[in-house]
Every structure is written in structure tokens, then in C-alpha cells.
């Protein structure tokens, strides 16, 4: 199955709005965000796993992804998107 990295760590409302993209992303989605967003994403069956970008940055880089989608302009999100294996 294709692995997809989705990066959205901004405001909680933005995180919720971004979940609509999950219907268009066939594959195993890993969502990189901040811990405060976890409750909003916890019961979504389209998300394979949710990782805290501040705690698991290096772990996210160990995987290879078919697609990396960064919807955030924070430096950490941009760095992760640029360094992620595609």
C-alpha cells in the first residue's frame, strides 16, 4: 500500500478542515501534527497513524512516502516536507 505523509500542524480549525482531503488520498496516511490536534484525529479510520512532529521528527524521516503533502508554512513543517523520502 502506498504511504502518504500529510503535514498540518496549524490552528485546530485548519486541521479539521484538512481532514476532507483524506477522501482523495488512497493509501496509508501518516499525519504529522502537534499533540493538541490528536483528539480531533483520533477516531478517523482513514488515518493510519498520527505523530507529534515535535517529538517524532526523526522517526518521520525514516519512512519512505509515495506522496508528501505539506499544508503548513511553519519552518518545521517545511523542513520535514523537504527532507522526507519520496
N, C-alpha and C. Protein backbone atom coordinates (compact mmCIF):
# COMPACT_ATOMS: atom_id res chain seq x y z
N UNK A 1 0.84 -1.18 0.00
CA UNK A 1 0.00 0.00 0.00
C UNK A 1 0.89 1.25 0.00
N UNK A 2 0.47 2.25 -0.74
CA UNK A 2 1.23 3.50 -0.82
C UNK A 2 1.19 4.24 0.51
N UNK A 3 2.34 4.76 0.91
CA UNK A 3 2.43 5.55 2.14
C UNK A 3 2.38 7.03 1.79
N UNK A 4 1.58 7.76 2.54
CA UNK A 4 1.40 9.19 2.32
C UNK A 4 1.67 9.92 3.63
N UNK A 5 2.42 11.00 3.54
CA UNK A 5 2.67 11.85 4.71
C UNK A 5 1.89 13.14 4.52
N UNK A 6 1.01 13.42 5.45
CA UNK A 6 0.23 14.65 5.44
C UNK A 6 0.69 15.50 6.62
N UNK A 7 1.10 16.72 6.33
CA UNK A 7 1.62 17.62 7.36
C UNK A 7 0.67 18.79 7.51
N UNK A 8 0.05 18.90 8.67
CA UNK A 8 -0.80 20.05 9.00
C UNK A 8 -0.72 20.23 10.51
N UNK A 9 -0.03 21.29 10.93
CA UNK A 9 0.19 21.49 12.36
C UNK A 9 -0.37 22.81 12.87
N UNK A 10 -1.04 23.55 12.02
CA UNK A 10 -1.53 24.87 12.38
C UNK A 10 -2.73 24.84 13.31
N UNK A 11 -3.57 25.83 13.18
CA UNK A 11 -4.74 26.00 14.03
C UNK A 11 -5.65 24.78 13.98
N UNK A 12 -6.32 24.51 15.08
CA UNK A 12 -7.17 23.33 15.18
C UNK A 12 -8.26 23.32 14.11
N UNK A 13 -8.84 24.47 13.82
CA UNK A 13 -9.86 24.55 12.78
C UNK A 13 -9.31 24.17 11.42
N UNK A 14 -8.08 24.57 11.15
CA UNK A 14 -7.43 24.20 9.89
C UNK A 14 -7.19 22.70 9.80
N UNK A 15 -6.83 22.11 10.92
CA UNK A 15 -6.62 20.66 10.96
C UNK A 15 -7.93 19.95 10.63
N UNK A 16 -9.02 20.38 11.22
CA UNK A 16 -10.32 19.76 10.95
C UNK A 16 -10.69 19.90 9.48
N UNK A 17 -10.52 21.09 8.92
CA UNK A 17 -10.86 21.30 7.50
C UNK A 17 -10.00 20.45 6.59
N UNK A 18 -8.78 20.18 6.97
CA UNK A 18 -7.87 19.39 6.15
C UNK A 18 -8.29 17.93 6.08
N UNK A 19 -9.04 17.44 7.05
CA UNK A 19 -9.45 16.04 7.03
C UNK A 19 -10.27 15.70 5.79
N UNK A 20 -10.87 16.68 5.15
CA UNK A 20 -11.65 16.40 3.93
C UNK A 20 -10.76 15.87 2.81
N UNK A 21 -9.47 16.15 2.86
CA UNK A 21 -8.54 15.63 1.84
C UNK A 21 -8.36 14.13 1.93
N UNK A 22 -8.64 13.56 3.07
CA UNK A 22 -8.41 12.13 3.26
C UNK A 22 -9.20 11.28 2.27
N UNK A 23 -10.33 11.76 1.81
CA UNK A 23 -11.14 11.00 0.85
C UNK A 23 -10.46 10.91 -0.51
N UNK A 24 -9.56 11.83 -0.80
CA UNK A 24 -8.87 11.87 -2.09
C UNK A 24 -7.48 11.24 -2.04
N UNK A 25 -7.09 10.76 -0.87
CA UNK A 25 -5.74 10.21 -0.70
C UNK A 25 -5.80 8.71 -0.43
N UNK A 26 -5.80 7.91 -1.48
CA UNK A 26 -5.82 6.46 -1.25
C UNK A 26 -4.44 5.99 -0.80
N UNK A 27 -4.41 5.33 0.29
CA UNK A 27 -3.15 4.82 0.81
C UNK A 27 -3.10 4.91 2.32
N UNK A 28 -1.95 4.61 2.85
CA UNK A 28 -1.71 4.60 4.29
C UNK A 28 -1.23 5.98 4.70
N UNK A 29 -2.11 6.75 5.32
CA UNK A 29 -1.81 8.14 5.66
C UNK A 29 -1.22 8.25 7.06
N UNK A 30 -0.05 8.88 7.13
CA UNK A 30 0.55 9.28 8.39
C UNK A 30 0.36 10.79 8.49
N UNK A 31 -0.23 11.25 9.58
CA UNK A 31 -0.50 12.67 9.76
C UNK A 31 0.50 13.22 10.78
N UNK A 32 1.30 14.19 10.36
CA UNK A 32 2.25 14.85 11.25
C UNK A 32 1.62 16.16 11.72
N UNK A 33 1.50 16.32 13.02
CA UNK A 33 0.85 17.48 13.60
C UNK A 33 1.40 17.71 14.99
N UNK A 34 0.75 18.55 15.76
CA UNK A 34 1.12 18.74 17.17
C UNK A 34 0.16 17.96 18.04
N UNK A 35 0.61 17.62 19.22
CA UNK A 35 -0.17 16.80 20.15
C UNK A 35 -1.56 17.37 20.42
N UNK A 36 -1.73 18.67 20.38
CA UNK A 36 -3.03 19.29 20.66
C UNK A 36 -4.09 18.89 19.64
N UNK A 37 -3.67 18.46 18.46
CA UNK A 37 -4.62 18.07 17.41
C UNK A 37 -5.03 16.60 17.48
N UNK A 38 -4.34 15.81 18.27
CA UNK A 38 -4.61 14.37 18.33
C UNK A 38 -6.07 14.03 18.60
N UNK A 39 -6.74 14.67 19.57
CA UNK A 39 -8.14 14.31 19.83
C UNK A 39 -9.05 14.53 18.61
N UNK A 40 -8.72 15.48 17.76
CA UNK A 40 -9.53 15.75 16.58
C UNK A 40 -9.37 14.67 15.50
N UNK A 41 -8.26 13.97 15.53
CA UNK A 41 -7.94 12.99 14.50
C UNK A 41 -8.05 11.55 14.97
N UNK A 42 -8.22 11.36 16.26
CA UNK A 42 -8.09 10.04 16.89
C UNK A 42 -9.01 8.97 16.31
N UNK A 43 -10.23 9.28 15.99
CA UNK A 43 -11.17 8.24 15.57
C UNK A 43 -11.40 8.22 14.06
N UNK A 44 -10.53 8.86 13.33
CA UNK A 44 -10.68 8.89 11.88
C UNK A 44 -10.03 7.63 11.30
N UNK A 45 -10.83 6.75 10.73
CA UNK A 45 -10.33 5.47 10.23
C UNK A 45 -9.49 5.60 8.96
N UNK A 46 -9.45 6.77 8.34
CA UNK A 46 -8.64 6.99 7.14
C UNK A 46 -7.19 7.35 7.49
N UNK A 47 -6.92 7.58 8.76
CA UNK A 47 -5.56 7.92 9.21
C UNK A 47 -4.93 6.68 9.82
N UNK A 48 -3.84 6.24 9.23
CA UNK A 48 -3.14 5.05 9.73
C UNK A 48 -2.46 5.33 11.06
N UNK A 49 -1.77 6.48 11.12
CA UNK A 49 -1.16 6.88 12.40
C UNK A 49 -0.98 8.39 12.43
N UNK A 50 -0.97 8.91 13.63
CA UNK A 50 -0.79 10.33 13.87
C UNK A 50 0.45 10.48 14.74
N UNK A 51 1.38 11.33 14.29
CA UNK A 51 2.62 11.52 15.04
C UNK A 51 2.83 12.98 15.37
N UNK A 52 3.36 13.22 16.55
CA UNK A 52 3.69 14.56 17.00
C UNK A 52 4.98 15.00 16.30
N UNK A 53 4.87 16.01 15.48
CA UNK A 53 6.02 16.47 14.70
C UNK A 53 7.17 16.94 15.59
N UNK A 54 6.86 17.44 16.77
CA UNK A 54 7.91 17.94 17.65
C UNK A 54 8.64 16.81 18.38
N UNK A 55 7.99 15.68 18.55
CA UNK A 55 8.59 14.55 19.26
C UNK A 55 9.12 13.47 18.33
N UNK A 56 8.58 13.37 17.12
CA UNK A 56 8.89 12.25 16.23
C UNK A 56 9.46 12.69 14.88
N UNK A 57 10.10 13.83 14.84
CA UNK A 57 10.61 14.36 13.58
C UNK A 57 11.53 13.34 12.88
N UNK A 58 12.49 12.81 13.62
CA UNK A 58 13.42 11.85 13.03
C UNK A 58 12.74 10.55 12.62
N UNK A 59 11.76 10.12 13.40
CA UNK A 59 11.02 8.90 13.06
C UNK A 59 10.26 9.07 11.75
N UNK A 60 9.73 10.26 11.52
CA UNK A 60 9.01 10.53 10.27
C UNK A 60 9.95 10.45 9.08
N UNK A 61 11.19 10.81 9.26
CA UNK A 61 12.17 10.79 8.17
C UNK A 61 12.66 9.39 7.83
N UNK A 62 12.46 8.44 8.71
CA UNK A 62 12.92 7.08 8.47
C UNK A 62 12.06 6.33 7.46
N UNK A 63 10.84 6.79 7.25
CA UNK A 63 9.93 6.13 6.31
C UNK A 63 10.07 6.72 4.92
N UNK A 64 9.65 5.95 3.93
CA UNK A 64 9.62 6.43 2.57
C UNK A 64 8.16 6.59 2.17
N UNK A 65 7.84 7.71 1.53
CA UNK A 65 6.46 8.04 1.19
C UNK A 65 6.32 8.19 -0.32
N UNK A 66 5.20 7.75 -0.84
CA UNK A 66 4.90 7.97 -2.25
C UNK A 66 4.55 9.42 -2.48
N UNK A 67 3.89 10.02 -1.49
CA UNK A 67 3.42 11.40 -1.60
C UNK A 67 3.59 12.11 -0.27
N UNK A 68 4.10 13.34 -0.31
CA UNK A 68 4.21 14.18 0.88
C UNK A 68 3.39 15.43 0.60
N UNK A 69 2.41 15.70 1.47
CA UNK A 69 1.54 16.86 1.33
C UNK A 69 1.77 17.76 2.54
N UNK A 70 2.33 18.93 2.32
CA UNK A 70 2.55 19.88 3.40
C UNK A 70 1.59 21.05 3.22
N UNK A 71 0.73 21.25 4.18
CA UNK A 71 -0.25 22.33 4.14
C UNK A 71 0.01 23.37 5.22
N UNK A 72 1.26 23.50 5.57
CA UNK A 72 1.63 24.42 6.64
C UNK A 72 2.86 25.22 6.24
N UNK A 73 2.96 26.44 6.74
CA UNK A 73 4.12 27.26 6.40
C UNK A 73 5.13 27.38 7.55
N UNK A 74 4.86 26.71 8.66
CA UNK A 74 5.81 26.74 9.77
C UNK A 74 7.12 26.11 9.32
N UNK A 75 8.26 26.67 9.77
CA UNK A 75 9.57 26.15 9.34
C UNK A 75 9.75 24.65 9.57
N UNK A 76 9.26 24.13 10.70
CA UNK A 76 9.43 22.71 10.98
C UNK A 76 8.68 21.86 9.96
N UNK A 77 7.49 22.28 9.57
CA UNK A 77 6.71 21.55 8.58
C UNK A 77 7.40 21.57 7.22
N UNK A 78 7.92 22.71 6.83
CA UNK A 78 8.62 22.84 5.55
C UNK A 78 9.89 22.01 5.53
N UNK A 79 10.61 22.00 6.63
CA UNK A 79 11.83 21.20 6.73
C UNK A 79 11.50 19.71 6.59
N UNK A 80 10.46 19.27 7.28
CA UNK A 80 10.06 17.87 7.19
C UNK A 80 9.67 17.51 5.76
N UNK A 81 8.89 18.35 5.12
CA UNK A 81 8.46 18.08 3.74
C UNK A 81 9.66 18.00 2.80
N UNK A 82 10.64 18.87 3.02
CA UNK A 82 11.81 18.90 2.14
C UNK A 82 12.73 17.70 2.36
N UNK A 83 12.78 17.20 3.59
CA UNK A 83 13.68 16.10 3.90
C UNK A 83 13.05 14.72 3.79
N UNK A 84 11.73 14.64 3.73
CA UNK A 84 11.05 13.36 3.69
C UNK A 84 11.43 12.60 2.42
N UNK A 85 11.60 11.29 2.56
CA UNK A 85 11.98 10.44 1.42
C UNK A 85 10.76 10.22 0.55
N UNK A 86 10.96 10.47 -0.73
CA UNK A 86 9.87 10.27 -1.69
C UNK A 86 10.28 9.25 -2.71
